[in-house]
Amino acid sequence: MLVTGTDVRDALVRLIRVGSLIAVLGAIHVLTLLLDWASLLNDNVVVRGIQGFVLSWSFTLSILAGLLAGGAGVLASLSSNVKVLRFTVPALALGGAALAILSPLYVILHQLPSLEVQFKPEVGAIAALFTGVAMAGGGFISAVIGFVALRPSPSPSQVPIMAYTPSQVPAVEYETGTVTSYEEPSLSREEEVFEELLRQEESAVEVRDSQAERAAVGPQAVQPPRAQAASMECAICGDQIPASALKTCGSCGAPMHRECVETWRDIGGRCPNCGAPLG
């Protein structure tokens, strides 16, 4: 499936939203350090609560998890390098999620039992574990967006070349006396595209001839080239192109936004119309 400029733009928007959600979850995870992660018991009676920041391991792991989650959110919001976003945002998010999950599990399953005291988990440890799992989900979603929606364009050998090649469908003969008839082969997809390009080229020639005739008769209100360019549609995103933002393919002349070309260059750098490298 060919990735279009609109698909890339939508994927980047979704990645920014997921990155922001991961950063918020990281901040919430750090705030759980202020809650009681466990309560010490004496004959099943609560003696005192232990907050998360009091325990060295939980404090260190949770702070690192929050920093990694915040880094994923900042990078997703500020960076425009698609290649960096595809790998870095999921890596930071999943790394932060791993530390966020490890922090309460280590305290509850190892650190407190090693002290040989009676205790019971409290809401702070449960909230920390929940935010870690949610961060892992966000990291997985960002990985899907990066490796599916923002995958690079196909290599030149995989880009279909729109060239006219007569279909080699064998003719079907119908013998009726001395008359032999042949069934006309149906047009393939490549031939339909080629015929459409020919019609567009003929229409462009007719427009140029009409403008030349009007210029020969006398000065007319002919639309300037820059105004014509302003009504063109971008070959990447399909939106109208202002004259100040126009950029064309050096091979086939397809019009595109300058911003679309910059983003498109990061995921393959080839013209969506002819497959030629974009300069």
C-alpha atoms as a PDB file:
ATOM      1  CA  MET A   1       0.000   0.000   0.000  1.00  0.00           C
ATOM      2  CA  LEU A   2       1.396   3.394  -1.040  1.00  0.00           C
ATOM      3  CA  VAL A   3       1.763   5.925   1.778  1.00  0.00           C
ATOM      4  CA  THR A   4       0.397   9.357   0.807  1.00  0.00           C
ATOM      5  CA  GLY A   5       1.207  12.759   2.243  1.00  0.00           C
ATOM      6  CA  THR A   6      -2.185  12.940   3.965  1.00  0.00           C
ATOM      7  CA  ASP A   7      -1.531   9.566   5.632  1.00  0.00           C
ATOM      8  CA  VAL A   8       1.829  10.824   6.925  1.00  0.00           C
ATOM      9  CA  ARG A   9       0.300  14.026   8.271  1.00  0.00           C
ATOM     10  CA  ASP A  10      -2.502  12.137  10.066  1.00  0.00           C
ATOM     11  CA  ALA A  11      -0.005   9.628  11.500  1.00  0.00           C
ATOM     12  CA  LEU A  12       2.171  12.444  12.861  1.00  0.00           C
ATOM     13  CA  VAL A  13      -0.863  14.036  14.534  1.00  0.00           C
ATOM     14  CA  ARG A  14      -1.779  10.713  16.151  1.00  0.00           C
ATOM     15  CA  LEU A  15       1.819  10.203  17.272  1.00  0.00           C
ATOM     16  CA  ILE A  16       1.875  13.654  18.918  1.00  0.00           C
ATOM     17  CA  ARG A  17      -1.334  12.841  20.798  1.00  0.00           C
ATOM     18  CA  VAL A  18      -0.035   9.468  21.969  1.00  0.00           C
ATOM     19  CA  GLY A  19       3.267  11.049  23.023  1.00  0.00           C
ATOM     20  CA  SER A  20       1.410  13.678  25.059  1.00  0.00           C
ATOM     21  CA  LEU A  21      -0.653  10.961  26.749  1.00  0.00           C
ATOM     22  CA  ILE A  22       2.512   9.019  27.622  1.00  0.00           C
ATOM     23  CA  ALA A  23       4.052  12.158  29.166  1.00  0.00           C
ATOM     24  CA  VAL A  24       0.914  12.749  31.282  1.00  0.00           C
ATOM     25  CA  LEU A  25       0.980   9.131  32.487  1.00  0.00           C
ATOM     26  CA  GLY A  26       4.651   9.534  33.405  1.00  0.00           C
ATOM     27  CA  ALA A  27       3.841  12.623  35.465  1.00  0.00           C
ATOM     28  CA  ILE A  28       0.998  10.810  37.247  1.00  0.00           C
ATOM     29  CA  HIS A  29       3.333   7.902  37.971  1.00  0.00           C
ATOM     30  CA  VAL A  30       5.831  10.236  39.642  1.00  0.00           C
ATOM     31  CA  LEU A  31       3.038  11.803  41.722  1.00  0.00           C
ATOM     32  CA  THR A  32       2.131   8.376  43.105  1.00  0.00           C
ATOM     33  CA  LEU A  33       5.373   8.578  45.108  1.00  0.00           C
ATOM     34  CA  LEU A  34       3.525  10.978  47.413  1.00  0.00           C
ATOM     35  CA  LEU A  35       0.958   8.293  48.269  1.00  0.00           C
ATOM     36  CA  ASP A  36       1.315   5.354  50.654  1.00  0.00           C
ATOM     37  CA  TRP A  37       2.760   2.365  48.798  1.00  0.00           C
ATOM     38  CA  ALA A  38       2.532   0.021  51.790  1.00  0.00           C
ATOM     39  CA  SER A  39       1.401  -0.067  55.384  1.00  0.00           C
ATOM     40  CA  LEU A  40       3.388  -1.712  58.195  1.00  0.00           C
ATOM     41  CA  LEU A  41       1.336  -4.052  60.359  1.00  0.00           C
ATOM     42  CA  ASN A  42       1.609  -5.206  63.942  1.00  0.00           C
ATOM     43  CA  ASP A  43      -0.795  -8.058  64.698  1.00  0.00           C
ATOM     44  CA  ASN A  44      -2.795  -7.052  61.607  1.00  0.00           C
ATOM     45  CA  VAL A  45      -3.087  -3.494  62.901  1.00  0.00           C
ATOM     46  CA  VAL A  46      -1.717  -0.700  60.717  1.00  0.00           C
ATOM     47  CA  VAL A  47       1.181   0.960  62.474  1.00  0.00           C
ATOM     48  CA  ARG A  48       2.258   3.443  59.846  1.00  0.00           C
ATOM     49  CA  GLY A  49       2.143   4.025  56.097  1.00  0.00           C
ATOM     50  CA  ILE A  50       5.230   4.053  53.882  1.00  0.00           C
ATOM     51  CA  GLN A  51       5.187   6.575  51.058  1.00  0.00           C
ATOM     52  CA  GLY A  52       6.818   5.766  47.740  1.00  0.00           C
ATOM     53  CA  PHE A  53       9.503   8.442  47.885  1.00  0.00           C
ATOM     54  CA  VAL A  54      10.782   7.064  51.216  1.00  0.00           C
ATOM     55  CA  LEU A  55      11.911   3.837  49.535  1.00  0.00           C
ATOM     56  CA  SER A  56      15.110   4.439  47.581  1.00  0.00           C
ATOM     57  CA  TRP A  57      14.448   1.910  44.818  1.00  0.00           C
ATOM     58  CA  SER A  58      10.896   3.040  44.145  1.00  0.00           C
ATOM     59  CA  PHE A  59      11.952   6.678  44.118  1.00  0.00           C
ATOM     60  CA  THR A  60      14.856   6.116  41.686  1.00  0.00           C
ATOM     61  CA  LEU A  61      12.983   3.844  39.281  1.00  0.00           C
ATOM     62  CA  SER A  62       9.842   5.993  39.217  1.00  0.00           C
ATOM     63  CA  ILE A  63      11.749   9.231  38.603  1.00  0.00           C
ATOM     64  CA  LEU A  64      13.624   7.616  35.697  1.00  0.00           C
ATOM     65  CA  ALA A  65      10.334   6.292  34.300  1.00  0.00           C
ATOM     66  CA  GLY A  66       8.794   9.765  34.450  1.00  0.00           C
ATOM     67  CA  LEU A  67      11.783  11.319  32.698  1.00  0.00           C
ATOM     68  CA  LEU A  68      11.674   8.792  29.863  1.00  0.00           C
ATOM     69  CA  ALA A  69       7.910   9.264  29.421  1.00  0.00           C
ATOM     70  CA  GLY A  70       8.304  13.042  29.417  1.00  0.00           C
ATOM     71  CA  GLY A  71      11.095  12.764  26.855  1.00  0.00           C
ATOM     72  CA  ALA A  72       8.822  10.718  24.578  1.00  0.00           C
ATOM     73  CA  GLY A  73       6.100  13.370  24.797  1.00  0.00           C
ATOM     74  CA  VAL A  74       8.471  16.294  24.155  1.00  0.00           C
ATOM     75  CA  LEU A  75      10.138  14.541  21.216  1.00  0.00           C
ATOM     76  CA  ALA A  76       6.795  13.636  19.614  1.00  0.00           C
ATOM     77  CA  SER A  77       5.618  17.251  19.925  1.00  0.00           C
ATOM     78  CA  LEU A  78       8.750  19.097  18.788  1.00  0.00           C
ATOM     79  CA  SER A  79      10.623  16.875  16.339  1.00  0.00           C
ATOM     80  CA  SER A  80       9.712  16.767  12.622  1.00  0.00           C
ATOM     81  CA  ASN A  81      12.233  14.071  11.700  1.00  0.00           C
ATOM     82  CA  VAL A  82      10.085  11.068  10.797  1.00  0.00           C
ATOM     83  CA  LYS A  83      12.985   8.596  10.932  1.00  0.00           C
ATOM     84  CA  VAL A  84      13.832   9.658  14.500  1.00  0.00           C
ATOM     85  CA  LEU A  85      10.205   9.596  15.649  1.00  0.00           C
ATOM     86  CA  ARG A  86       9.620   6.062  14.336  1.00  0.00           C
ATOM     87  CA  PHE A  87      12.242   4.585  16.648  1.00  0.00           C
ATOM     88  CA  THR A  88      12.873   7.005  19.516  1.00  0.00           C
ATOM     89  CA  VAL A  89       9.337   7.701  20.767  1.00  0.00           C
ATOM     90  CA  PRO A  90       8.368   3.998  21.135  1.00  0.00           C
ATOM     91  CA  ALA A  91      11.773   3.196  22.687  1.00  0.00           C
ATOM     92  CA  LEU A  92      11.476   5.959  25.305  1.00  0.00           C
ATOM     93  CA  ALA A  93       7.855   5.090  26.064  1.00  0.00           C
ATOM     94  CA  LEU A  94       8.466   1.351  26.446  1.00  0.00           C
ATOM     95  CA  GLY A  95      11.624   1.954  28.498  1.00  0.00           C
ATOM     96  CA  GLY A  96       9.758   4.260  30.854  1.00  0.00           C
ATOM     97  CA  ALA A  97       6.888   1.759  31.098  1.00  0.00           C
ATOM     98  CA  ALA A  98       9.293  -1.043  32.035  1.00  0.00           C
ATOM     99  CA  LEU A  99      10.796   1.027  34.868  1.00  0.00           C
ATOM    100  CA  ALA A 100       7.342   2.182  36.030  1.00  0.00           C
ATOM    101  CA  ILE A 101       6.124  -1.427  36.279  1.00  0.00           C
ATOM    102  CA  LEU A 102       9.348  -2.640  37.887  1.00  0.00           C
ATOM    103  CA  SER A 103       9.278   0.039  40.617  1.00  0.00           C
ATOM    104  CA  PRO A 104       6.196  -1.143  42.622  1.00  0.00           C
ATOM    105  CA  LEU A 105       6.814  -4.821  41.859  1.00  0.00           C
ATOM    106  CA  TYR A 106      10.362  -4.659  43.229  1.00  0.00           C
ATOM    107  CA  VAL A 107       9.227  -2.911  46.406  1.00  0.00           C
ATOM    108  CA  ILE A 108       6.267  -5.203  47.101  1.00  0.00           C
ATOM    109  CA  LEU A 109       7.829  -8.506  46.024  1.00  0.00           C
ATOM    110  CA  HIS A 110      11.445  -8.054  47.146  1.00  0.00           C
ATOM    111  CA  GLN A 111      12.431  -4.984  49.156  1.00  0.00           C
ATOM    112  CA  LEU A 112       9.774  -5.074  51.885  1.00  0.00           C
ATOM    113  CA  PRO A 113       9.739  -8.905  52.270  1.00  0.00           C
ATOM    114  CA  SER A 114      13.507  -8.825  52.736  1.00  0.00           C
ATOM    115  CA  LEU A 115      12.988  -6.628  55.841  1.00  0.00           C
ATOM    116  CA  GLU A 116      10.940  -9.443  57.432  1.00  0.00           C
ATOM    117  CA  VAL A 117       8.105  -7.170  58.501  1.00  0.00           C
ATOM    118  CA  GLN A 118       4.372  -7.490  58.095  1.00  0.00           C
ATOM    119  CA  PHE A 119       2.933  -5.148  55.492  1.00  0.00           C
ATOM    120  CA  LYS A 120       0.164  -4.788  52.968  1.00  0.00           C
ATOM    121  CA  PRO A 121       0.204  -2.940  49.599  1.00  0.00           C
ATOM    122  CA  GLU A 122      -1.598   0.370  49.451  1.00  0.00           C
ATOM    123  CA  VAL A 123      -3.211   2.476  46.734  1.00  0.00           C
ATOM    124  CA  GLY A 124       0.048   4.212  45.788  1.00  0.00           C
ATOM    125  CA  ALA A 125       1.703   0.978  44.633  1.00  0.00           C
ATOM    126  CA  ILE A 126      -1.425  -0.074  42.736  1.00  0.00           C
ATOM    127  CA  ALA A 127      -1.668   3.321  41.005  1.00  0.00           C
ATOM    128  CA  ALA A 128       2.030   3.195  40.103  1.00  0.00           C
ATOM    129  CA  LEU A 129       1.603  -0.257  38.578  1.00  0.00           C
ATOM    130  CA  PHE A 130      -1.486   0.842  36.646  1.00  0.00           C
ATOM    131  CA  THR A 131       0.239   3.907  35.156  1.00  0.00           C
ATOM    132  CA  GLY A 132       3.178   1.718  34.121  1.00  0.00           C
ATOM    133  CA  VAL A 133       0.870  -0.668  32.255  1.00  0.00           C
ATOM    134  CA  ALA A 134      -0.898   2.297  30.596  1.00  0.00           C
ATOM    135  CA  MET A 135       2.479   3.699  29.499  1.00  0.00           C
ATOM    136  CA  ALA A 136       3.323   0.319  27.969  1.00  0.00           C
ATOM    137  CA  GLY A 137       0.072   0.464  25.991  1.00  0.00           C
ATOM    138  CA  GLY A 138       0.920   3.939  24.749  1.00  0.00           C
ATOM    139  CA  GLY A 139       4.392   2.778  23.749  1.00  0.00           C
ATOM    140  CA  PHE A 140       2.929  -0.123  21.789  1.00  0.00           C
ATOM    141  CA  ILE A 141       0.503   2.204  19.980  1.00  0.00           C
ATOM    142  CA  SER A 142       3.326   4.616  19.089  1.00  0.00           C
ATOM    143  CA  ALA A 143       5.343   1.676  17.732  1.00  0.00           C
ATOM    144  CA  VAL A 144       2.415   0.615  15.532  1.00  0.00           C
ATOM    145  CA  ILE A 145       2.057   4.177  14.210  1.00  0.00           C
ATOM    146  CA  GLY A 146       5.800   4.482  13.578  1.00  0.00           C
ATOM    147  CA  PHE A 147       6.346   1.140  11.862  1.00  0.00           C
ATOM    148  CA  VAL A 148       3.060   0.892   9.943  1.00  0.00           C
ATOM    149  CA  ALA A 149       1.730   4.379   9.139  1.00  0.00           C
ATOM    150  CA  LEU A 150       5.188   6.022   8.876  1.00  0.00           C
ATOM    151  CA  ARG A 151       7.045   3.215   7.134  1.00  0.00           C
ATOM    152  CA  PRO A 152       9.353   4.285   4.255  1.00  0.00           C
ATOM    153  CA  SER A 153       8.141   4.375   0.678  1.00  0.00           C
ATOM    154  CA  PRO A 154       8.963   1.357  -1.525  1.00  0.00           C
ATOM    155  CA  SER A 155      12.372   1.173  -3.161  1.00  0.00           C
ATOM    156  CA  PRO A 156      12.780   2.287  -6.800  1.00  0.00           C
ATOM    157  CA  SER A 157      12.563  -1.313  -8.002  1.00  0.00           C
ATOM    158  CA  GLN A 158       9.132  -1.605  -6.359  1.00  0.00           C
ATOM    159  CA  VAL A 159       7.689   1.673  -7.685  1.00  0.00           C
ATOM    160  CA  PRO A 160       5.362   0.947 -10.595  1.00  0.00           C
ATOM    161  CA  ILE A 161       6.419   2.701 -13.797  1.00  0.00           C
ATOM    162  CA  MET A 162       3.516   4.204 -15.691  1.00  0.00           C
ATOM    163  CA  ALA A 163       4.540   3.320 -19.206  1.00  0.00           C
ATOM    164  CA  TYR A 164       2.336   2.127 -22.032  1.00  0.00           C
ATOM    165  CA  THR A 165       2.876  -1.512 -22.866  1.00  0.00           C
ATOM    166  CA  PRO A 166       0.357  -3.186 -25.177  1.00  0.00           C
ATOM    167  CA  SER A 167      -1.383  -6.046 -23.433  1.00  0.00           C
ATOM    168  CA  GLN A 168      -0.219  -9.382 -24.723  1.00  0.00           C
ATOM    169  CA  VAL A 169      -3.629 -11.023 -24.452  1.00  0.00           C
ATOM    170  CA  PRO A 170      -3.954 -13.632 -27.163  1.00  0.00           C
ATOM    171  CA  ALA A 171      -6.619 -12.882 -29.695  1.00  0.00           C
ATOM    172  CA  VAL A 172      -9.696 -15.063 -29.769  1.00  0.00           C
ATOM    173  CA  GLU A 173     -10.534 -16.186 -33.261  1.00  0.00           C
ATOM    174  CA  TYR A 174     -14.018 -16.798 -34.521  1.00  0.00           C
ATOM    175  CA  GLU A 175     -14.069 -18.654 -37.824  1.00  0.00           C
ATOM    176  CA  THR A 176     -17.104 -17.901 -39.983  1.00  0.00           C
ATOM    177  CA  GLY A 177     -16.410 -18.908 -43.512  1.00  0.00           C
ATOM    178  CA  THR A 178     -13.454 -16.832 -44.690  1.00  0.00           C
ATOM    179  CA  VAL A 179     -13.923 -14.018 -42.096  1.00  0.00           C
ATOM    180  CA  THR A 180     -11.727 -14.022 -38.956  1.00  0.00           C
ATOM    181  CA  SER A 181     -12.581 -11.633 -36.097  1.00  0.00           C
ATOM    182  CA  TYR A 182     -10.560 -10.760 -32.994  1.00  0.00           C
ATOM    183  CA  GLU A 183     -11.738  -9.803 -29.541  1.00  0.00           C
ATOM    184  CA  GLU A 184     -10.380  -6.471 -28.361  1.00  0.00           C
ATOM    185  CA  PRO A 185      -8.297  -7.013 -25.171  1.00  0.00           C
ATOM    186  CA  SER A 186      -9.414  -4.988 -22.149  1.00  0.00           C
ATOM    187  CA  LEU A 187      -7.181  -2.201 -20.895  1.00  0.00           C
ATOM    188  CA  SER A 188      -4.970  -2.944 -17.921  1.00  0.00           C
ATOM    189  CA  ARG A 189      -4.614  -0.543 -15.016  1.00  0.00           C
ATOM    190  CA  GLU A 190      -1.327   0.826 -16.415  1.00  0.00           C
ATOM    191  CA  GLU A 191      -2.941   1.474 -19.793  1.00  0.00           C
ATOM    192  CA  GLU A 192      -5.886   3.277 -18.175  1.00  0.00           C
ATOM    193  CA  VAL A 193      -3.485   5.528 -16.277  1.00  0.00           C
ATOM    194  CA  PHE A 194      -1.520   6.190 -19.478  1.00  0.00           C
ATOM    195  CA  GLU A 195      -4.686   7.058 -21.387  1.00  0.00           C
ATOM    196  CA  GLU A 196      -5.699   9.445 -18.593  1.00  0.00           C
ATOM    197  CA  LEU A 197      -2.289  11.129 -18.761  1.00  0.00           C
ATOM    198  CA  LEU A 198      -2.658  11.504 -22.533  1.00  0.00           C
ATOM    199  CA  ARG A 199      -6.065  13.141 -22.114  1.00  0.00           C
ATOM    200  CA  GLN A 200      -4.666  15.535 -19.512  1.00  0.00           C
ATOM    201  CA  GLU A 201      -1.766  16.412 -21.817  1.00  0.00           C
ATOM    202  CA  GLU A 202      -4.148  17.025 -24.728  1.00  0.00           C
ATOM    203  CA  SER A 203      -6.307  19.260 -22.532  1.00  0.00           C
ATOM    204  CA  ALA A 204      -3.199  21.216 -21.484  1.00  0.00           C
ATOM    205  CA  VAL A 205      -2.194  21.655 -25.156  1.00  0.00           C
ATOM    206  CA  GLU A 206      -5.683  22.905 -26.033  1.00  0.00           C
ATOM    207  CA  VAL A 207      -5.543  25.422 -23.175  1.00  0.00           C
ATOM    208  CA  ARG A 208      -2.138  26.694 -24.317  1.00  0.00           C
ATOM    209  CA  ASP A 209      -3.363  26.986 -27.949  1.00  0.00           C
ATOM    210  CA  SER A 210      -6.440  28.889 -26.788  1.00  0.00           C
ATOM    211  CA  GLN A 211      -4.304  31.301 -24.782  1.00  0.00           C
ATOM    212  CA  ALA A 212      -1.993  31.809 -27.761  1.00  0.00           C
ATOM    213  CA  GLU A 213      -4.972  32.637 -30.006  1.00  0.00           C
ATOM    214  CA  ARG A 214      -6.316  35.163 -27.513  1.00  0.00           C
ATOM    215  CA  ALA A 215      -2.859  36.752 -27.233  1.00  0.00           C
ATOM    216  CA  ALA A 216      -2.645  37.029 -31.061  1.00  0.00           C
ATOM    217  CA  VAL A 217      -6.023  38.789 -31.286  1.00  0.00           C
ATOM    218  CA  GLY A 218      -5.247  41.384 -28.686  1.00  0.00           C
ATOM    219  CA  PRO A 219      -4.479  41.968 -25.023  1.00  0.00           C
ATOM    220  CA  GLN A 220      -6.870  39.915 -22.959  1.00  0.00           C
ATOM    221  CA  ALA A 221      -7.262  39.254 -19.273  1.00  0.00           C
ATOM    222  CA  VAL A 222      -5.138  36.133 -19.319  1.00  0.00           C
ATOM    223  CA  GLN A 223      -4.549  34.500 -15.991  1.00  0.00           C
ATOM    224  CA  PRO A 224      -0.851  34.835 -15.058  1.00  0.00           C
ATOM    225  CA  PRO A 225       1.166  31.635 -14.616  1.00  0.00           C
ATOM    226  CA  ARG A 226       1.536  32.175 -10.861  1.00  0.00           C
ATOM    227  CA  ALA A 227      -2.261  32.448 -10.501  1.00  0.00           C
ATOM    228  CA  GLN A 228      -2.656  29.202 -12.473  1.00  0.00           C
ATOM    229  CA  ALA A 229      -0.123  27.546 -10.230  1.00  0.00           C
ATOM    230  CA  ALA A 230      -2.075  28.743  -7.217  1.00  0.00           C
ATOM    231  CA  SER A 231      -5.094  26.642  -8.301  1.00  0.00           C
ATOM    232  CA  MET A 232      -3.080  23.432  -8.599  1.00  0.00           C
ATOM    233  CA  GLU A 233      -3.623  20.536  -6.239  1.00  0.00           C
ATOM    234  CA  CYS A 234      -0.715  19.029  -4.323  1.00  0.00           C
ATOM    235  CA  ALA A 235       0.226  15.582  -5.632  1.00  0.00           C
ATOM    236  CA  ILE A 236       0.966  14.474  -2.031  1.00  0.00           C
ATOM    237  CA  CYS A 237      -1.871  15.810   0.160  1.00  0.00           C
ATOM    238  CA  GLY A 238      -4.434  16.872  -2.486  1.00  0.00           C
ATOM    239  CA  ASP A 239      -4.918  20.411  -1.089  1.00  0.00           C
ATOM    240  CA  GLN A 240      -4.718  23.627  -3.116  1.00  0.00           C
ATOM    241  CA  ILE A 241      -1.213  25.078  -3.422  1.00  0.00           C
ATOM    242  CA  PRO A 242      -0.584  28.804  -2.837  1.00  0.00           C
ATOM    243  CA  ALA A 243       1.797  30.341  -5.353  1.00  0.00           C
ATOM    244  CA  SER A 244       4.359  31.053  -2.626  1.00  0.00           C
ATOM    245  CA  ALA A 245       4.441  27.398  -1.514  1.00  0.00           C
ATOM    246  CA  LEU A 246       4.637  25.723  -4.942  1.00  0.00           C
ATOM    247  CA  LYS A 247       7.344  23.192  -5.704  1.00  0.00           C
ATOM    248  CA  THR A 248       7.314  20.880  -8.730  1.00  0.00           C
ATOM    249  CA  CYS A 249       8.914  17.535  -9.530  1.00  0.00           C
ATOM    250  CA  GLY A 250      11.961  17.977 -11.769  1.00  0.00           C
ATOM    251  CA  SER A 251      11.022  14.861 -13.733  1.00  0.00           C
ATOM    252  CA  CYS A 252       7.279  14.993 -14.412  1.00  0.00           C
ATOM    253  CA  GLY A 253       6.381  18.514 -13.184  1.00  0.00           C
ATOM    254  CA  ALA A 254       3.862  17.329 -10.575  1.00  0.00           C
ATOM    255  CA  PRO A 255       2.934  20.261  -8.241  1.00  0.00           C
ATOM    256  CA  MET A 256       3.474  19.854  -4.474  1.00  0.00           C
ATOM    257  CA  HIS A 257       3.638  21.924  -1.284  1.00  0.00           C
ATOM    258  CA  ARG A 258       7.179  22.700  -0.136  1.00  0.00           C
ATOM    259  CA  GLU A 259       6.292  21.443   3.384  1.00  0.00           C
ATOM    260  CA  CYS A 260       4.843  18.220   1.936  1.00  0.00           C
ATOM    261  CA  VAL A 261       8.045  17.670  -0.057  1.00  0.00           C
ATOM    262  CA  GLU A 262      10.174  18.103   3.095  1.00  0.00           C
ATOM    263  CA  THR A 263       8.085  15.539   5.003  1.00  0.00           C
ATOM    264  CA  TRP A 264       7.857  13.209   1.995  1.00  0.00           C
ATOM    265  CA  ARG A 265      11.662  13.283   1.594  1.00  0.00           C
ATOM    266  CA  ASP A 266      12.068  11.773   5.090  1.00  0.00           C
ATOM    267  CA  ILE A 267      10.073   8.633   4.199  1.00  0.00           C
ATOM    268  CA  GLY A 268      11.540   7.842   0.791  1.00  0.00           C
ATOM    269  CA  GLY A 269      12.064  11.042  -1.120  1.00  0.00           C
ATOM    270  CA  ARG A 270      10.430   9.957  -4.380  1.00  0.00           C
ATOM    271  CA  CYS A 271       7.745  11.663  -6.435  1.00  0.00           C
ATOM    272  CA  PRO A 272       4.322  10.028  -5.760  1.00  0.00           C
ATOM    273  CA  ASN A 273       3.438  10.549  -9.433  1.00  0.00           C
ATOM    274  CA  CYS A 274       6.472   9.230 -11.347  1.00  0.00           C
ATOM    275  CA  GLY A 275       8.753   7.726  -8.665  1.00  0.00           C
ATOM    276  CA  ALA A 276      11.702   9.988  -9.520  1.00  0.00           C
ATOM    277  CA  PRO A 277      13.920  11.256  -6.638  1.00  0.00           C
ATOM    278  CA  LEU A 278      12.777  14.619  -5.257  1.00  0.00           C
ATOM    279  CA  GLY A 279      15.507  17.253  -5.225  1.00  0.00           C
END
